[in-house]
């Protein structure tokens, strides 16, 4: 079976690399490795999502679905130490790196969990869910992330999504509008679309 960054395990030998990146005006040190998404640096789509995100006017924790080695959630957790940021992924190596990166950057208000979508947190509620979804896993997986978000968000909570137009933004928007009454396009940058869907 072909391995992907959304596979649980990998047979690829570990070869960690460490690099720095500035996110929301703060410098972070990240450790990455083979078999995780965007191993050589924070990808452009995640950067646009990180820069675009606005904390909701609602108390509560945040959820990062498909967290990878952690750039989205660590950037936001550092900025909002009063909120817990829950990071979920199916990739064991990514979860291990997320824990390493939280420690490297002195971020303690995070909870890192193995989960297929939001399955492991279905009994919790969140003020916001963010995702740079695993497009290569297929439309069904991506749409299930949106469905999970609609179930775990608090009333007036928000789902933030980054997706490329050529990789399914129109179909993603249609699905979000089936699940949420308030969906709008926040930003378009070089083919990347940032959507915010509010649960009302």
C-alpha atoms as a PDB file:
ATOM      1  CA  UNK A   1       0.000   0.000   0.000  1.00  0.00           C
ATOM      2  CA  UNK A   2       1.296   3.448  -0.887  1.00  0.00           C
ATOM      3  CA  UNK A   3       2.187   5.618   2.102  1.00  0.00           C
ATOM      4  CA  UNK A   4       0.927   9.179   2.384  1.00  0.00           C
ATOM      5  CA  UNK A   5       1.255  11.930   4.971  1.00  0.00           C
ATOM      6  CA  UNK A   6      -2.245  10.919   6.103  1.00  0.00           C
ATOM      7  CA  UNK A   7      -1.172   7.291   6.711  1.00  0.00           C
ATOM      8  CA  UNK A   8      -0.941   6.172  10.344  1.00  0.00           C
ATOM      9  CA  UNK A   9       2.476   4.546  10.125  1.00  0.00           C
ATOM     10  CA  UNK A  10       5.501   4.752   7.853  1.00  0.00           C
ATOM     11  CA  UNK A  11       8.409   2.506   6.976  1.00  0.00           C
ATOM     12  CA  UNK A  12      10.476   5.481   5.850  1.00  0.00           C
ATOM     13  CA  UNK A  13      13.620   5.955   7.896  1.00  0.00           C
ATOM     14  CA  UNK A  14      13.593   8.984  10.147  1.00  0.00           C
ATOM     15  CA  UNK A  15      15.777  11.907   9.084  1.00  0.00           C
ATOM     16  CA  UNK A  16      14.763  14.874  11.191  1.00  0.00           C
ATOM     17  CA  UNK A  17      15.560  18.415  10.225  1.00  0.00           C
ATOM     18  CA  UNK A  18      15.203  21.601  12.245  1.00  0.00           C
ATOM     19  CA  UNK A  19      14.385  25.043  10.876  1.00  0.00           C
ATOM     20  CA  UNK A  20      12.818  28.314  11.975  1.00  0.00           C
ATOM     21  CA  UNK A  21       9.796  30.207  10.717  1.00  0.00           C
ATOM     22  CA  UNK A  22       8.057  33.455  11.641  1.00  0.00           C
ATOM     23  CA  UNK A  23       4.296  33.073  12.127  1.00  0.00           C
ATOM     24  CA  UNK A  24       1.994  35.892  13.251  1.00  0.00           C
ATOM     25  CA  UNK A  25       5.056  37.931  14.146  1.00  0.00           C
ATOM     26  CA  UNK A  26       6.678  35.299  16.365  1.00  0.00           C
ATOM     27  CA  UNK A  27       9.684  33.117  15.597  1.00  0.00           C
ATOM     28  CA  UNK A  28       9.219  29.359  15.944  1.00  0.00           C
ATOM     29  CA  UNK A  29      11.633  26.451  15.721  1.00  0.00           C
ATOM     30  CA  UNK A  30      10.218  23.365  14.042  1.00  0.00           C
ATOM     31  CA  UNK A  31      11.456  19.805  13.739  1.00  0.00           C
ATOM     32  CA  UNK A  32      10.133  17.863  10.738  1.00  0.00           C
ATOM     33  CA  UNK A  33      10.825  14.527   9.109  1.00  0.00           C
ATOM     34  CA  UNK A  34      10.024  12.211   6.224  1.00  0.00           C
ATOM     35  CA  UNK A  35       6.401  11.055   5.853  1.00  0.00           C
ATOM     36  CA  UNK A  36       4.802  14.242   7.187  1.00  0.00           C
ATOM     37  CA  UNK A  37       3.105  16.992   5.201  1.00  0.00           C
ATOM     38  CA  UNK A  38       5.351  19.851   4.006  1.00  0.00           C
ATOM     39  CA  UNK A  39       8.466  18.544   5.737  1.00  0.00           C
ATOM     40  CA  UNK A  40      10.768  21.300   4.420  1.00  0.00           C
ATOM     41  CA  UNK A  41       8.875  24.311   5.750  1.00  0.00           C
ATOM     42  CA  UNK A  42       5.451  25.680   6.579  1.00  0.00           C
ATOM     43  CA  UNK A  43       3.425  25.368   3.369  1.00  0.00           C
ATOM     44  CA  UNK A  44       1.902  28.429   1.729  1.00  0.00           C
ATOM     45  CA  UNK A  45      -1.698  27.380   2.384  1.00  0.00           C
ATOM     46  CA  UNK A  46      -1.116  26.932   6.108  1.00  0.00           C
ATOM     47  CA  UNK A  47       0.635  30.302   6.237  1.00  0.00           C
ATOM     48  CA  UNK A  48      -2.339  32.022   4.631  1.00  0.00           C
ATOM     49  CA  UNK A  49      -4.702  30.315   7.081  1.00  0.00           C
ATOM     50  CA  UNK A  50      -2.530  31.245  10.077  1.00  0.00           C
ATOM     51  CA  UNK A  51      -2.288  34.869   8.956  1.00  0.00           C
ATOM     52  CA  UNK A  52      -6.007  35.136   8.137  1.00  0.00           C
ATOM     53  CA  UNK A  53      -7.440  33.568  11.275  1.00  0.00           C
ATOM     54  CA  UNK A  54      -9.246  35.803  13.741  1.00  0.00           C
ATOM     55  CA  UNK A  55     -10.020  34.483  17.205  1.00  0.00           C
ATOM     56  CA  UNK A  56     -13.786  34.183  17.674  1.00  0.00           C
ATOM     57  CA  UNK A  57     -15.606  36.417  20.118  1.00  0.00           C
ATOM     58  CA  UNK A  58     -16.405  33.292  22.091  1.00  0.00           C
ATOM     59  CA  UNK A  59     -14.720  31.598  25.025  1.00  0.00           C
ATOM     60  CA  UNK A  60     -13.473  28.096  24.466  1.00  0.00           C
ATOM     61  CA  UNK A  61     -10.769  25.880  23.114  1.00  0.00           C
ATOM     62  CA  UNK A  62      -9.534  25.465  19.555  1.00  0.00           C
ATOM     63  CA  UNK A  63      -9.206  22.298  17.475  1.00  0.00           C
ATOM     64  CA  UNK A  64      -6.695  21.690  14.693  1.00  0.00           C
ATOM     65  CA  UNK A  65      -7.758  18.736  12.516  1.00  0.00           C
ATOM     66  CA  UNK A  66      -4.840  17.202  10.612  1.00  0.00           C
ATOM     67  CA  UNK A  67      -2.293  19.117  12.665  1.00  0.00           C
ATOM     68  CA  UNK A  68       0.845  17.583  11.138  1.00  0.00           C
ATOM     69  CA  UNK A  69       3.928  18.702  13.041  1.00  0.00           C
ATOM     70  CA  UNK A  70       1.946  21.601  14.467  1.00  0.00           C
ATOM     71  CA  UNK A  71       2.543  25.021  12.860  1.00  0.00           C
ATOM     72  CA  UNK A  72      -1.092  26.206  12.829  1.00  0.00           C
ATOM     73  CA  UNK A  73      -1.905  25.316  16.381  1.00  0.00           C
ATOM     74  CA  UNK A  74       1.419  26.268  17.932  1.00  0.00           C
ATOM     75  CA  UNK A  75       1.228  29.722  16.369  1.00  0.00           C
ATOM     76  CA  UNK A  76      -2.260  30.259  17.772  1.00  0.00           C
ATOM     77  CA  UNK A  77      -1.597  28.616  21.144  1.00  0.00           C
ATOM     78  CA  UNK A  78       1.374  30.915  21.694  1.00  0.00           C
ATOM     79  CA  UNK A  79      -0.828  33.930  21.001  1.00  0.00           C
ATOM     80  CA  UNK A  80      -3.721  32.784  23.198  1.00  0.00           C
ATOM     81  CA  UNK A  81      -2.301  31.074  26.310  1.00  0.00           C
ATOM     82  CA  UNK A  82      -5.701  31.152  28.045  1.00  0.00           C
ATOM     83  CA  UNK A  83      -7.160  28.775  25.449  1.00  0.00           C
ATOM     84  CA  UNK A  84      -6.290  25.099  25.123  1.00  0.00           C
ATOM     85  CA  UNK A  85      -5.460  24.077  21.590  1.00  0.00           C
ATOM     86  CA  UNK A  86      -6.240  20.466  20.727  1.00  0.00           C
ATOM     87  CA  UNK A  87      -4.208  18.979  17.896  1.00  0.00           C
ATOM     88  CA  UNK A  88      -5.364  15.783  16.168  1.00  0.00           C
ATOM     89  CA  UNK A  89      -3.893  13.665  13.373  1.00  0.00           C
ATOM     90  CA  UNK A  90      -3.766  10.034  12.243  1.00  0.00           C
ATOM     91  CA  UNK A  91      -0.038  10.123  11.459  1.00  0.00           C
ATOM     92  CA  UNK A  92       2.002   8.776  14.386  1.00  0.00           C
ATOM     93  CA  UNK A  93       5.199  10.512  13.298  1.00  0.00           C
ATOM     94  CA  UNK A  94       3.427  13.848  12.891  1.00  0.00           C
ATOM     95  CA  UNK A  95       1.977  13.556  16.408  1.00  0.00           C
ATOM     96  CA  UNK A  96       5.404  12.788  17.834  1.00  0.00           C
ATOM     97  CA  UNK A  97       6.840  15.837  16.064  1.00  0.00           C
ATOM     98  CA  UNK A  98       3.955  18.022  17.248  1.00  0.00           C
ATOM     99  CA  UNK A  99       4.862  17.142  20.836  1.00  0.00           C
ATOM    100  CA  UNK A 100       8.549  17.840  20.182  1.00  0.00           C
ATOM    101  CA  UNK A 101       7.712  21.195  18.607  1.00  0.00           C
ATOM    102  CA  UNK A 102       5.411  22.228  21.435  1.00  0.00           C
ATOM    103  CA  UNK A 103       8.246  21.608  23.880  1.00  0.00           C
ATOM    104  CA  UNK A 104      10.832  23.340  21.673  1.00  0.00           C
ATOM    105  CA  UNK A 105       8.687  26.466  21.552  1.00  0.00           C
ATOM    106  CA  UNK A 106       7.606  26.486  25.182  1.00  0.00           C
ATOM    107  CA  UNK A 107       3.928  25.977  24.346  1.00  0.00           C
ATOM    108  CA  UNK A 108       2.111  24.156  27.139  1.00  0.00           C
ATOM    109  CA  UNK A 109      -1.562  24.884  26.419  1.00  0.00           C
ATOM    110  CA  UNK A 110      -1.876  22.090  23.845  1.00  0.00           C
ATOM    111  CA  UNK A 111      -3.380  18.620  23.893  1.00  0.00           C
ATOM    112  CA  UNK A 112      -2.070  16.294  21.174  1.00  0.00           C
ATOM    113  CA  UNK A 113      -4.231  13.296  20.271  1.00  0.00           C
ATOM    114  CA  UNK A 114      -4.349  10.506  17.718  1.00  0.00           C
ATOM    115  CA  UNK A 115      -7.680  10.839  15.959  1.00  0.00           C
ATOM    116  CA  UNK A 116      -9.305  10.169  12.613  1.00  0.00           C
ATOM    117  CA  UNK A 117     -10.963  13.525  12.131  1.00  0.00           C
ATOM    118  CA  UNK A 118     -12.637  14.637  15.357  1.00  0.00           C
ATOM    119  CA  UNK A 119     -13.510  11.109  16.503  1.00  0.00           C
ATOM    120  CA  UNK A 120     -11.381  11.342  19.662  1.00  0.00           C
ATOM    121  CA  UNK A 121     -12.955  14.637  20.742  1.00  0.00           C
ATOM    122  CA  UNK A 122     -16.592  14.032  19.809  1.00  0.00           C
ATOM    123  CA  UNK A 123     -17.674  14.643  23.419  1.00  0.00           C
ATOM    124  CA  UNK A 124     -15.951  18.030  23.623  1.00  0.00           C
ATOM    125  CA  UNK A 125     -16.932  21.417  22.230  1.00  0.00           C
ATOM    126  CA  UNK A 126     -14.786  24.116  20.630  1.00  0.00           C
ATOM    127  CA  UNK A 127     -14.922  27.803  19.849  1.00  0.00           C
ATOM    128  CA  UNK A 128     -13.097  27.247  16.555  1.00  0.00           C
ATOM    129  CA  UNK A 129     -11.921  24.403  14.340  1.00  0.00           C
ATOM    130  CA  UNK A 130      -9.144  24.963  11.813  1.00  0.00           C
ATOM    131  CA  UNK A 131      -8.008  22.643   9.067  1.00  0.00           C
ATOM    132  CA  UNK A 132      -5.745  22.465   6.067  1.00  0.00           C
ATOM    133  CA  UNK A 133      -7.460  19.244   4.995  1.00  0.00           C
ATOM    134  CA  UNK A 134      -5.671  16.247   3.449  1.00  0.00           C
ATOM    135  CA  UNK A 135      -6.886  16.752  -0.111  1.00  0.00           C
ATOM    136  CA  UNK A 136      -5.146  13.630  -1.390  1.00  0.00           C
ATOM    137  CA  UNK A 137      -7.128  11.508   1.053  1.00  0.00           C
ATOM    138  CA  UNK A 138     -10.193  12.230  -1.087  1.00  0.00           C
ATOM    139  CA  UNK A 139     -13.364  14.293  -1.025  1.00  0.00           C
ATOM    140  CA  UNK A 140     -15.134  11.915   1.374  1.00  0.00           C
ATOM    141  CA  UNK A 141     -12.457  12.404   4.043  1.00  0.00           C
ATOM    142  CA  UNK A 142     -12.388  16.178   3.572  1.00  0.00           C
ATOM    143  CA  UNK A 143     -16.169  16.466   3.782  1.00  0.00           C
ATOM    144  CA  UNK A 144     -16.212  14.294   6.907  1.00  0.00           C
ATOM    145  CA  UNK A 145     -13.870  16.787   8.581  1.00  0.00           C
ATOM    146  CA  UNK A 146     -16.445  19.498   7.883  1.00  0.00           C
ATOM    147  CA  UNK A 147     -19.230  17.273   9.239  1.00  0.00           C
ATOM    148  CA  UNK A 148     -17.226  16.543  12.394  1.00  0.00           C
ATOM    149  CA  UNK A 149     -16.592  20.261  12.874  1.00  0.00           C
ATOM    150  CA  UNK A 150     -20.299  21.027  12.688  1.00  0.00           C
ATOM    151  CA  UNK A 151     -20.879  18.567  15.543  1.00  0.00           C
ATOM    152  CA  UNK A 152     -18.101  19.675  17.928  1.00  0.00           C
ATOM    153  CA  UNK A 153     -18.383  23.447  17.470  1.00  0.00           C
ATOM    154  CA  UNK A 154     -20.180  25.498  20.090  1.00  0.00           C
ATOM    155  CA  UNK A 155     -23.069  27.672  19.032  1.00  0.00           C
ATOM    156  CA  UNK A 156     -21.494  30.640  17.200  1.00  0.00           C
ATOM    157  CA  UNK A 157     -18.282  28.652  16.837  1.00  0.00           C
ATOM    158  CA  UNK A 158     -16.331  28.875  13.590  1.00  0.00           C
ATOM    159  CA  UNK A 159     -14.751  26.483  11.112  1.00  0.00           C
ATOM    160  CA  UNK A 160     -11.754  27.923   9.239  1.00  0.00           C
ATOM    161  CA  UNK A 161     -10.552  26.075   6.125  1.00  0.00           C
ATOM    162  CA  UNK A 162      -7.814  26.620   3.563  1.00  0.00           C
ATOM    163  CA  UNK A 163      -8.165  24.870   0.205  1.00  0.00           C
ATOM    164  CA  UNK A 164      -6.897  25.475  -3.293  1.00  0.00           C
ATOM    165  CA  UNK A 165      -9.424  26.310  -5.987  1.00  0.00           C
ATOM    166  CA  UNK A 166      -7.992  23.653  -8.296  1.00  0.00           C
ATOM    167  CA  UNK A 167      -8.126  21.041  -5.522  1.00  0.00           C
ATOM    168  CA  UNK A 168     -11.814  21.358  -4.761  1.00  0.00           C
ATOM    169  CA  UNK A 169     -12.655  24.757  -3.264  1.00  0.00           C
ATOM    170  CA  UNK A 170     -16.045  25.003  -5.059  1.00  0.00           C
ATOM    171  CA  UNK A 171     -17.150  21.553  -3.856  1.00  0.00           C
ATOM    172  CA  UNK A 172     -15.852  22.301  -0.334  1.00  0.00           C
ATOM    173  CA  UNK A 173     -17.841  25.535  -0.252  1.00  0.00           C
ATOM    174  CA  UNK A 174     -20.978  23.702  -1.368  1.00  0.00           C
ATOM    175  CA  UNK A 175     -20.541  21.101   1.387  1.00  0.00           C
ATOM    176  CA  UNK A 176     -19.963  23.748   4.054  1.00  0.00           C
ATOM    177  CA  UNK A 177     -23.131  25.557   2.970  1.00  0.00           C
ATOM    178  CA  UNK A 178     -25.062  22.320   3.477  1.00  0.00           C
ATOM    179  CA  UNK A 179     -23.796  22.156   7.065  1.00  0.00           C
ATOM    180  CA  UNK A 180     -23.564  25.820   8.102  1.00  0.00           C
ATOM    181  CA  UNK A 181     -25.936  28.749   7.588  1.00  0.00           C
ATOM    182  CA  UNK A 182     -23.185  31.377   7.568  1.00  0.00           C
ATOM    183  CA  UNK A 183     -20.312  30.635   5.148  1.00  0.00           C
ATOM    184  CA  UNK A 184     -18.142  33.196   3.468  1.00  0.00           C
ATOM    185  CA  UNK A 185     -14.888  33.484   1.600  1.00  0.00           C
ATOM    186  CA  UNK A 186     -12.459  35.449   3.776  1.00  0.00           C
ATOM    187  CA  UNK A 187      -9.528  35.677   1.395  1.00  0.00           C
ATOM    188  CA  UNK A 188      -8.144  34.473  -1.947  1.00  0.00           C
ATOM    189  CA  UNK A 189      -4.366  34.393  -2.368  1.00  0.00           C
ATOM    190  CA  UNK A 190      -2.623  32.779  -5.345  1.00  0.00           C
ATOM    191  CA  UNK A 191      -5.355  30.187  -5.818  1.00  0.00           C
ATOM    192  CA  UNK A 192      -5.745  29.428  -2.099  1.00  0.00           C
ATOM    193  CA  UNK A 193      -9.172  30.117  -0.622  1.00  0.00           C
ATOM    194  CA  UNK A 194      -9.800  30.788   3.064  1.00  0.00           C
ATOM    195  CA  UNK A 195     -13.346  30.008   4.202  1.00  0.00           C
ATOM    196  CA  UNK A 196     -15.031  30.746   7.521  1.00  0.00           C
ATOM    197  CA  UNK A 197     -18.223  28.860   8.388  1.00  0.00           C
ATOM    198  CA  UNK A 198     -20.135  29.883  11.509  1.00  0.00           C
ATOM    199  CA  UNK A 199     -22.447  27.601  13.462  1.00  0.00           C
ATOM    200  CA  UNK A 200     -25.566  29.596  14.241  1.00  0.00           C
END
